[in-house]
Amino acid sequence: MSLVDILAAAETGENTLTARVPDTWMQGRTAYGGLSAALALEAAIRSQPDLPPLRSAQIAFVGPLAGEVTVETRLLRRGRTAAYIEANVFGDGTLGLKALFVFMTALESAIDYADAARPDAPAPEEAAPAMANPDPKFFTGNLEYRHALPIEERHTPDFMRWVRLKAREGLHPMVELMAIGDALPPAAMALFEKPGPISSMTWMLNVLTAEPVTRDGWWLSRSTADLVRDGSSSQVMQMWDADRQPVVTGMQSVAIFV
């Protein structure tokens, strides 16, 4: 069951959205964080008419989510240029995810600056396929991955891969980005000597374009750990379109249980 199917079957109430997380979107005992965040964003978009583009999101992964989940949204403020919407995702009446979304119109400004650096990566059409988790219930079965780093660099805390949803037709472009923005393993896992449990704690991201588009659904995603210590990892996250134009920047905190 794709994200497209999940959202098509979701029920929208007054400031609520109720959906069912299939077994094929799980990540251990909880739903894949990108899916949970995408459901929260979809609920926020449905809750208010004519929202400007999403510009920023702050997400806390509070607890596990599975099966039927309900998103409750609340408009915190809507002014002439920006709208702030809170979204809480509940499973069995227990809070599993808390999000704050900021939507903002483009403003005329004399300032126009962008970091011109682009990652040195092969085009998605030329990149080698990357293996997904063999467990049919693991969320990666809903995505396609291709390597974007030389093989000798894949054992450093720096992951970069091309990622796309297998089914994405009709998705809101921001919801699509949210669904794949957390699709890479935490970069700290490259340092593991043996497999061990991890858990994303918080995720902050800024969207750098009002209309994200790409070629054939491919987005270049990178996660780089800058500190792994005392069971906690801090990582910087970036995304580009198929032409390697910047689309998203962010940070994430990850708990490490090894």
C-alpha atoms as a PDB file:
ATOM      1  CA  MET A   1       0.000   0.000   0.000  1.00  0.00           C
ATOM      2  CA  SER A   2       1.656   3.200  -1.191  1.00  0.00           C
ATOM      3  CA  LEU A   3       1.571   6.620   0.455  1.00  0.00           C
ATOM      4  CA  VAL A   4      -0.795   7.657  -2.339  1.00  0.00           C
ATOM      5  CA  ASP A   5      -3.188   4.858  -1.288  1.00  0.00           C
ATOM      6  CA  ILE A   6      -2.844   5.668   2.419  1.00  0.00           C
ATOM      7  CA  LEU A   7      -3.783   9.314   1.857  1.00  0.00           C
ATOM      8  CA  ALA A   8      -6.623   8.423  -0.517  1.00  0.00           C
ATOM      9  CA  ALA A   9      -8.157   6.221   2.195  1.00  0.00           C
ATOM     10  CA  ALA A  10      -7.560   8.742   5.007  1.00  0.00           C
ATOM     11  CA  GLU A  11     -10.594  10.354   6.606  1.00  0.00           C
ATOM     12  CA  THR A  12     -10.578  14.104   7.200  1.00  0.00           C
ATOM     13  CA  GLY A  13     -12.595  15.609  10.038  1.00  0.00           C
ATOM     14  CA  GLU A  14     -12.675  19.022  11.644  1.00  0.00           C
ATOM     15  CA  ASN A  15      -8.954  19.649  12.206  1.00  0.00           C
ATOM     16  CA  THR A  16      -8.245  15.887  12.137  1.00  0.00           C
ATOM     17  CA  LEU A  17      -6.981  13.263   9.740  1.00  0.00           C
ATOM     18  CA  THR A  18      -7.258   9.540  10.458  1.00  0.00           C
ATOM     19  CA  ALA A  19      -5.207   7.002   8.517  1.00  0.00           C
ATOM     20  CA  ARG A  20      -3.952   3.446   8.866  1.00  0.00           C
ATOM     21  CA  VAL A  21      -0.247   2.635   8.738  1.00  0.00           C
ATOM     22  CA  PRO A  22       0.241  -0.668   6.850  1.00  0.00           C
ATOM     23  CA  ASP A  23       2.759  -3.235   8.058  1.00  0.00           C
ATOM     24  CA  THR A  24       4.852  -2.456   4.968  1.00  0.00           C
ATOM     25  CA  TRP A  25       5.638   1.032   6.293  1.00  0.00           C
ATOM     26  CA  MET A  26       7.106  -0.020   9.624  1.00  0.00           C
ATOM     27  CA  GLN A  27      10.575   0.631  11.011  1.00  0.00           C
ATOM     28  CA  GLY A  28      10.869  -1.873  13.820  1.00  0.00           C
ATOM     29  CA  ARG A  29       8.012  -1.345  16.264  1.00  0.00           C
ATOM     30  CA  THR A  30       7.053   2.076  14.928  1.00  0.00           C
ATOM     31  CA  ALA A  31       5.999   3.603  11.633  1.00  0.00           C
ATOM     32  CA  TYR A  32       8.748   5.057   9.453  1.00  0.00           C
ATOM     33  CA  GLY A  33       9.343   8.608  10.679  1.00  0.00           C
ATOM     34  CA  GLY A  34       9.086  10.136   7.210  1.00  0.00           C
ATOM     35  CA  LEU A  35       5.629   8.598   6.781  1.00  0.00           C
ATOM     36  CA  SER A  36       4.420   9.870  10.157  1.00  0.00           C
ATOM     37  CA  ALA A  37       5.748  13.345   9.350  1.00  0.00           C
ATOM     38  CA  ALA A  38       4.136  13.237   5.904  1.00  0.00           C
ATOM     39  CA  LEU A  39       0.757  12.369   7.474  1.00  0.00           C
ATOM     40  CA  ALA A  40       1.139  15.292   9.870  1.00  0.00           C
ATOM     41  CA  LEU A  41       1.933  17.653   6.998  1.00  0.00           C
ATOM     42  CA  GLU A  42      -0.948  16.368   4.871  1.00  0.00           C
ATOM     43  CA  ALA A  43      -3.319  17.012   7.779  1.00  0.00           C
ATOM     44  CA  ALA A  44      -1.951  20.535   8.207  1.00  0.00           C
ATOM     45  CA  ILE A  45      -2.386  21.295   4.496  1.00  0.00           C
ATOM     46  CA  ARG A  46      -5.954  19.972   4.519  1.00  0.00           C
ATOM     47  CA  SER A  47      -6.830  21.976   7.627  1.00  0.00           C
ATOM     48  CA  GLN A  48      -6.434  25.436   6.060  1.00  0.00           C
ATOM     49  CA  PRO A  49      -7.403  26.764   2.622  1.00  0.00           C
ATOM     50  CA  ASP A  50      -4.887  28.403   0.288  1.00  0.00           C
ATOM     51  CA  LEU A  51      -1.808  27.967   2.435  1.00  0.00           C
ATOM     52  CA  PRO A  52       1.434  29.497   1.144  1.00  0.00           C
ATOM     53  CA  PRO A  53       4.395  27.158   0.534  1.00  0.00           C
ATOM     54  CA  LEU A  54       5.915  25.199   3.406  1.00  0.00           C
ATOM     55  CA  ARG A  55       9.167  26.804   4.538  1.00  0.00           C
ATOM     56  CA  SER A  56      10.116  25.126   7.809  1.00  0.00           C
ATOM     57  CA  ALA A  57       9.213  22.165   9.997  1.00  0.00           C
ATOM     58  CA  GLN A  58      10.189  21.092  13.501  1.00  0.00           C
ATOM     59  CA  ILE A  59       9.365  17.490  14.397  1.00  0.00           C
ATOM     60  CA  ALA A  60       9.721  15.485  17.595  1.00  0.00           C
ATOM     61  CA  PHE A  61       9.408  11.707  17.453  1.00  0.00           C
ATOM     62  CA  VAL A  62       7.816  11.226  20.864  1.00  0.00           C
ATOM     63  CA  GLY A  63       6.804   7.559  20.793  1.00  0.00           C
ATOM     64  CA  PRO A  64       5.935   4.584  18.564  1.00  0.00           C
ATOM     65  CA  LEU A  65       3.070   4.717  16.085  1.00  0.00           C
ATOM     66  CA  ALA A  66       1.385   1.787  14.355  1.00  0.00           C
ATOM     67  CA  GLY A  67      -1.986   0.762  12.959  1.00  0.00           C
ATOM     68  CA  GLU A  68      -4.648   3.457  13.005  1.00  0.00           C
ATOM     69  CA  VAL A  69      -3.321   6.931  13.757  1.00  0.00           C
ATOM     70  CA  THR A  70      -5.067  10.271  14.124  1.00  0.00           C
ATOM     71  CA  VAL A  71      -3.537  13.655  13.397  1.00  0.00           C
ATOM     72  CA  GLU A  72      -4.932  16.637  15.273  1.00  0.00           C
ATOM     73  CA  THR A  73      -4.045  20.077  13.907  1.00  0.00           C
ATOM     74  CA  ARG A  74      -4.274  23.539  15.422  1.00  0.00           C
ATOM     75  CA  LEU A  75      -3.755  26.882  13.715  1.00  0.00           C
ATOM     76  CA  LEU A  76      -1.483  28.865  16.018  1.00  0.00           C
ATOM     77  CA  ARG A  77      -1.359  32.025  13.947  1.00  0.00           C
ATOM     78  CA  ARG A  78      -2.044  33.178  10.411  1.00  0.00           C
ATOM     79  CA  GLY A  79      -0.880  36.599   9.327  1.00  0.00           C
ATOM     80  CA  ARG A  80      -0.415  38.313   5.995  1.00  0.00           C
ATOM     81  CA  THR A  81       2.743  36.377   5.119  1.00  0.00           C
ATOM     82  CA  ALA A  82       2.969  33.296   7.333  1.00  0.00           C
ATOM     83  CA  ALA A  83       0.863  30.573   8.935  1.00  0.00           C
ATOM     84  CA  TYR A  84       1.948  28.426  11.888  1.00  0.00           C
ATOM     85  CA  ILE A  85       0.194  25.076  12.273  1.00  0.00           C
ATOM     86  CA  GLU A  86       0.748  22.541  15.034  1.00  0.00           C
ATOM     87  CA  ALA A  87       0.123  18.878  14.241  1.00  0.00           C
ATOM     88  CA  ASN A  88       0.073  16.038  16.785  1.00  0.00           C
ATOM     89  CA  VAL A  89      -0.088  12.393  15.697  1.00  0.00           C
ATOM     90  CA  PHE A  90      -1.715   9.923  18.098  1.00  0.00           C
ATOM     91  CA  GLY A  91      -1.818   6.130  18.114  1.00  0.00           C
ATOM     92  CA  ASP A  92      -4.117   4.390  20.632  1.00  0.00           C
ATOM     93  CA  GLY A  93      -4.673   7.775  22.238  1.00  0.00           C
ATOM     94  CA  THR A  94      -0.967   8.257  22.929  1.00  0.00           C
ATOM     95  CA  LEU A  95       1.111  11.043  21.378  1.00  0.00           C
ATOM     96  CA  GLY A  96       3.665   9.651  18.929  1.00  0.00           C
ATOM     97  CA  LEU A  97       4.760  12.713  16.931  1.00  0.00           C
ATOM     98  CA  LYS A  98       4.582  16.449  17.467  1.00  0.00           C
ATOM     99  CA  ALA A  99       5.195  18.875  14.608  1.00  0.00           C
ATOM    100  CA  LEU A 100       5.226  22.610  13.962  1.00  0.00           C
ATOM    101  CA  PHE A 101       4.899  23.673  10.323  1.00  0.00           C
ATOM    102  CA  VAL A 102       5.572  27.187   9.044  1.00  0.00           C
ATOM    103  CA  PHE A 103       4.065  28.205   5.698  1.00  0.00           C
ATOM    104  CA  MET A 104       5.214  31.513   4.210  1.00  0.00           C
ATOM    105  CA  THR A 105       4.675  33.535   1.049  1.00  0.00           C
ATOM    106  CA  ALA A 106       7.623  34.810  -0.970  1.00  0.00           C
ATOM    107  CA  LEU A 107       8.601  38.383  -0.162  1.00  0.00           C
ATOM    108  CA  GLU A 108      10.281  41.000  -2.312  1.00  0.00           C
ATOM    109  CA  SER A 109      13.840  41.418  -1.102  1.00  0.00           C
ATOM    110  CA  ALA A 110      17.060  43.050  -2.222  1.00  0.00           C
ATOM    111  CA  ILE A 111      18.984  40.073  -0.801  1.00  0.00           C
ATOM    112  CA  ASP A 112      19.597  37.100  -3.090  1.00  0.00           C
ATOM    113  CA  TYR A 113      22.324  34.669  -1.999  1.00  0.00           C
ATOM    114  CA  ALA A 114      22.799  30.934  -2.286  1.00  0.00           C
ATOM    115  CA  ASP A 115      25.718  28.658  -1.522  1.00  0.00           C
ATOM    116  CA  ALA A 116      26.831  27.593  -4.982  1.00  0.00           C
ATOM    117  CA  ALA A 117      28.436  24.345  -3.816  1.00  0.00           C
ATOM    118  CA  ARG A 118      26.844  21.245  -5.328  1.00  0.00           C
ATOM    119  CA  PRO A 119      27.664  17.670  -4.358  1.00  0.00           C
ATOM    120  CA  ASP A 120      29.898  15.668  -6.659  1.00  0.00           C
ATOM    121  CA  ALA A 121      27.564  12.779  -7.437  1.00  0.00           C
ATOM    122  CA  PRO A 122      26.663  10.740 -10.517  1.00  0.00           C
ATOM    123  CA  ALA A 123      23.342  11.441 -12.179  1.00  0.00           C
ATOM    124  CA  PRO A 124      20.563   9.172 -10.869  1.00  0.00           C
ATOM    125  CA  GLU A 125      20.381   7.433 -14.256  1.00  0.00           C
ATOM    126  CA  GLU A 126      24.075   6.489 -13.942  1.00  0.00           C
ATOM    127  CA  ALA A 127      24.185   5.602 -10.237  1.00  0.00           C
ATOM    128  CA  ALA A 128      24.389   1.996  -9.047  1.00  0.00           C
ATOM    129  CA  PRO A 129      21.285   0.577  -7.324  1.00  0.00           C
ATOM    130  CA  ALA A 130      21.496   0.252  -3.536  1.00  0.00           C
ATOM    131  CA  MET A 131      19.969  -2.713  -1.747  1.00  0.00           C
ATOM    132  CA  ALA A 132      16.947  -2.099   0.465  1.00  0.00           C
ATOM    133  CA  ASN A 133      16.162  -3.976   3.661  1.00  0.00           C
ATOM    134  CA  PRO A 134      15.119  -7.553   2.749  1.00  0.00           C
ATOM    135  CA  ASP A 135      12.314  -7.539   5.344  1.00  0.00           C
ATOM    136  CA  PRO A 136       9.065  -7.110   3.327  1.00  0.00           C
ATOM    137  CA  LYS A 137       7.522  -5.197   6.237  1.00  0.00           C
ATOM    138  CA  PHE A 138      10.331  -2.634   6.372  1.00  0.00           C
ATOM    139  CA  PHE A 139       9.426   0.759   4.896  1.00  0.00           C
ATOM    140  CA  THR A 140      12.301   0.795   2.379  1.00  0.00           C
ATOM    141  CA  GLY A 141      10.320  -1.538   0.118  1.00  0.00           C
ATOM    142  CA  ASN A 142       8.275   1.522  -0.855  1.00  0.00           C
ATOM    143  CA  LEU A 143      11.322   3.406  -2.118  1.00  0.00           C
ATOM    144  CA  GLU A 144      14.160   3.044  -4.604  1.00  0.00           C
ATOM    145  CA  TYR A 145      17.757   3.885  -3.689  1.00  0.00           C
ATOM    146  CA  ARG A 146      20.916   4.450  -5.728  1.00  0.00           C
ATOM    147  CA  HIS A 147      24.443   5.041  -4.448  1.00  0.00           C
ATOM    148  CA  ALA A 148      25.880   8.553  -4.798  1.00  0.00           C
ATOM    149  CA  LEU A 149      29.201   8.154  -2.930  1.00  0.00           C
ATOM    150  CA  PRO A 150      32.267   6.153  -4.009  1.00  0.00           C
ATOM    151  CA  ILE A 151      32.332   2.746  -2.338  1.00  0.00           C
ATOM    152  CA  GLU A 152      35.390   3.602  -0.221  1.00  0.00           C
ATOM    153  CA  GLU A 153      33.425   6.445   1.429  1.00  0.00           C
ATOM    154  CA  ARG A 154      30.408   4.338   2.425  1.00  0.00           C
ATOM    155  CA  HIS A 155      31.929   3.390   5.789  1.00  0.00           C
ATOM    156  CA  THR A 156      32.283   6.945   7.061  1.00  0.00           C
ATOM    157  CA  PRO A 157      29.407   8.704   8.897  1.00  0.00           C
ATOM    158  CA  ASP A 158      28.322  10.335   5.650  1.00  0.00           C
ATOM    159  CA  PHE A 159      25.532   8.737   3.599  1.00  0.00           C
ATOM    160  CA  MET A 160      24.455  10.121   0.218  1.00  0.00           C
ATOM    161  CA  ARG A 161      21.990   8.341  -2.042  1.00  0.00           C
ATOM    162  CA  TRP A 162      19.468   9.066  -4.719  1.00  0.00           C
ATOM    163  CA  VAL A 163      15.994   8.286  -3.366  1.00  0.00           C
ATOM    164  CA  ARG A 164      12.516   8.198  -4.862  1.00  0.00           C
ATOM    165  CA  LEU A 165       9.097   6.840  -3.960  1.00  0.00           C
ATOM    166  CA  LYS A 166       7.958   3.976  -6.138  1.00  0.00           C
ATOM    167  CA  ALA A 167       4.412   5.435  -6.181  1.00  0.00           C
ATOM    168  CA  ARG A 168       4.124   9.219  -6.004  1.00  0.00           C
ATOM    169  CA  GLU A 169       1.511  10.276  -8.576  1.00  0.00           C
ATOM    170  CA  GLY A 170      -0.799  12.957  -7.167  1.00  0.00           C
ATOM    171  CA  LEU A 171       1.131  13.631  -3.956  1.00  0.00           C
ATOM    172  CA  HIS A 172       1.547  17.200  -2.780  1.00  0.00           C
ATOM    173  CA  PRO A 173       5.220  17.985  -3.582  1.00  0.00           C
ATOM    174  CA  MET A 174       5.968  19.013   0.015  1.00  0.00           C
ATOM    175  CA  VAL A 175       4.380  15.805   1.355  1.00  0.00           C
ATOM    176  CA  GLU A 176       6.533  13.808  -1.070  1.00  0.00           C
ATOM    177  CA  LEU A 177       9.670  15.573   0.209  1.00  0.00           C
ATOM    178  CA  MET A 178       8.672  14.938   3.814  1.00  0.00           C
ATOM    179  CA  ALA A 179       8.108  11.262   3.078  1.00  0.00           C
ATOM    180  CA  ILE A 180      11.619  10.711   1.708  1.00  0.00           C
ATOM    181  CA  GLY A 181      13.561  13.304   3.708  1.00  0.00           C
ATOM    182  CA  ASP A 182      14.227  10.784   6.486  1.00  0.00           C
ATOM    183  CA  ALA A 183      14.758   7.789   4.205  1.00  0.00           C
ATOM    184  CA  LEU A 184      18.500   7.325   4.746  1.00  0.00           C
ATOM    185  CA  PRO A 185      19.883   5.373   7.710  1.00  0.00           C
ATOM    186  CA  PRO A 186      21.296   7.632  10.435  1.00  0.00           C
ATOM    187  CA  ALA A 187      24.842   8.457   9.348  1.00  0.00           C
ATOM    188  CA  ALA A 188      26.260   7.207  12.662  1.00  0.00           C
ATOM    189  CA  MET A 189      25.335   3.652  11.648  1.00  0.00           C
ATOM    190  CA  ALA A 190      28.357   3.627   9.340  1.00  0.00           C
ATOM    191  CA  LEU A 191      30.461   3.488  12.510  1.00  0.00           C
ATOM    192  CA  PHE A 192      28.692   0.434  13.962  1.00  0.00           C
ATOM    193  CA  GLU A 193      30.797  -2.710  14.325  1.00  0.00           C
ATOM    194  CA  LYS A 194      27.591  -4.754  14.564  1.00  0.00           C
ATOM    195  CA  PRO A 195      23.887  -3.986  14.043  1.00  0.00           C
ATOM    196  CA  GLY A 196      22.129  -2.224  16.893  1.00  0.00           C
ATOM    197  CA  PRO A 197      18.957  -0.251  17.624  1.00  0.00           C
ATOM    198  CA  ILE A 198      18.624   3.467  16.934  1.00  0.00           C
ATOM    199  CA  SER A 199      15.797   5.965  17.354  1.00  0.00           C
ATOM    200  CA  SER A 200      15.318   9.379  15.760  1.00  0.00           C
ATOM    201  CA  MET A 201      14.523  11.970  18.427  1.00  0.00           C
ATOM    202  CA  THR A 202      14.026  15.296  16.650  1.00  0.00           C
ATOM    203  CA  TRP A 203      14.152  16.557  13.067  1.00  0.00           C
ATOM    204  CA  MET A 204      14.303  20.142  11.873  1.00  0.00           C
ATOM    205  CA  LEU A 205      14.214  21.113   8.217  1.00  0.00           C
ATOM    206  CA  ASN A 206      14.005  24.215   6.059  1.00  0.00           C
ATOM    207  CA  VAL A 207      12.577  24.095   2.537  1.00  0.00           C
ATOM    208  CA  LEU A 208      14.617  26.249   0.148  1.00  0.00           C
ATOM    209  CA  THR A 209      12.199  26.482  -2.758  1.00  0.00           C
ATOM    210  CA  ALA A 210       8.500  27.228  -2.982  1.00  0.00           C
ATOM    211  CA  GLU A 211       7.907  24.717  -5.792  1.00  0.00           C
ATOM    212  CA  PRO A 212      10.115  21.626  -5.474  1.00  0.00           C
ATOM    213  CA  VAL A 213      10.264  19.637  -8.700  1.00  0.00           C
ATOM    214  CA  THR A 214      12.705  17.042  -9.969  1.00  0.00           C
ATOM    215  CA  ARG A 215      13.268  14.567 -12.794  1.00  0.00           C
ATOM    216  CA  ASP A 216      11.672  11.105 -12.665  1.00  0.00           C
ATOM    217  CA  GLY A 217      11.041  11.428  -8.927  1.00  0.00           C
ATOM    218  CA  TRP A 218      14.736  11.318  -7.963  1.00  0.00           C
ATOM    219  CA  TRP A 219      16.019  13.391  -5.038  1.00  0.00           C
ATOM    220  CA  LEU A 220      19.611  13.398  -3.808  1.00  0.00           C
ATOM    221  CA  SER A 221      19.687  12.977  -0.032  1.00  0.00           C
ATOM    222  CA  ARG A 222      22.691  13.307   2.295  1.00  0.00           C
ATOM    223  CA  SER A 223      23.115  12.773   6.050  1.00  0.00           C
ATOM    224  CA  THR A 224      26.436  13.564   7.737  1.00  0.00           C
ATOM    225  CA  ALA A 225      27.086  12.966  11.432  1.00  0.00           C
ATOM    226  CA  ASP A 226      29.102  15.724  13.089  1.00  0.00           C
ATOM    227  CA  LEU A 227      29.184  14.200  16.597  1.00  0.00           C
ATOM    228  CA  VAL A 228      28.428  10.728  17.967  1.00  0.00           C
ATOM    229  CA  ARG A 229      28.929  10.440  21.710  1.00  0.00           C
ATOM    230  CA  ASP A 230      27.192   9.263  24.889  1.00  0.00           C
ATOM    231  CA  GLY A 231      24.499   7.438  22.928  1.00  0.00           C
ATOM    232  CA  SER A 232      23.505  10.500  20.923  1.00  0.00           C
ATOM    233  CA  SER A 233      24.249  11.525  17.359  1.00  0.00           C
ATOM    234  CA  SER A 234      23.870  14.927  15.718  1.00  0.00           C
ATOM    235  CA  GLN A 235      23.648  14.947  11.944  1.00  0.00           C
ATOM    236  CA  VAL A 236      23.278  17.520   9.187  1.00  0.00           C
ATOM    237  CA  MET A 237      20.860  16.634   6.374  1.00  0.00           C
ATOM    238  CA  GLN A 238      20.549  18.034   2.859  1.00  0.00           C
ATOM    239  CA  MET A 239      18.505  17.332  -0.261  1.00  0.00           C
ATOM    240  CA  TRP A 240      18.879  18.356  -3.893  1.00  0.00           C
ATOM    241  CA  ASP A 241      16.806  17.841  -7.030  1.00  0.00           C
ATOM    242  CA  ALA A 242      18.017  15.725  -9.960  1.00  0.00           C
ATOM    243  CA  ASP A 243      20.025  18.679 -11.279  1.00  0.00           C
ATOM    244  CA  ARG A 244      21.629  19.041  -7.818  1.00  0.00           C
ATOM    245  CA  GLN A 245      19.918  22.316  -7.007  1.00  0.00           C
ATOM    246  CA  PRO A 246      19.422  22.680  -3.216  1.00  0.00           C
ATOM    247  CA  VAL A 247      15.926  21.890  -1.965  1.00  0.00           C
ATOM    248  CA  VAL A 248      16.100  21.109   1.786  1.00  0.00           C
ATOM    249  CA  THR A 249      18.539  21.587   4.648  1.00  0.00           C
ATOM    250  CA  GLY A 250      18.082  20.253   8.161  1.00  0.00           C
ATOM    251  CA  MET A 251      19.423  18.596  11.276  1.00  0.00           C
ATOM    252  CA  GLN A 252      18.455  15.525  13.245  1.00  0.00           C
ATOM    253  CA  SER A 253      19.169  14.109  16.682  1.00  0.00           C
ATOM    254  CA  VAL A 254      19.394  10.305  16.912  1.00  0.00           C
ATOM    255  CA  ALA A 255      19.617   8.064  19.981  1.00  0.00           C
ATOM    256  CA  ILE A 256      22.198   5.262  19.643  1.00  0.00           C
ATOM    257  CA  PHE A 257      21.704   2.104  21.741  1.00  0.00           C
ATOM    258  CA  VAL A 258      25.057   0.391  21.079  1.00  0.00           C
END
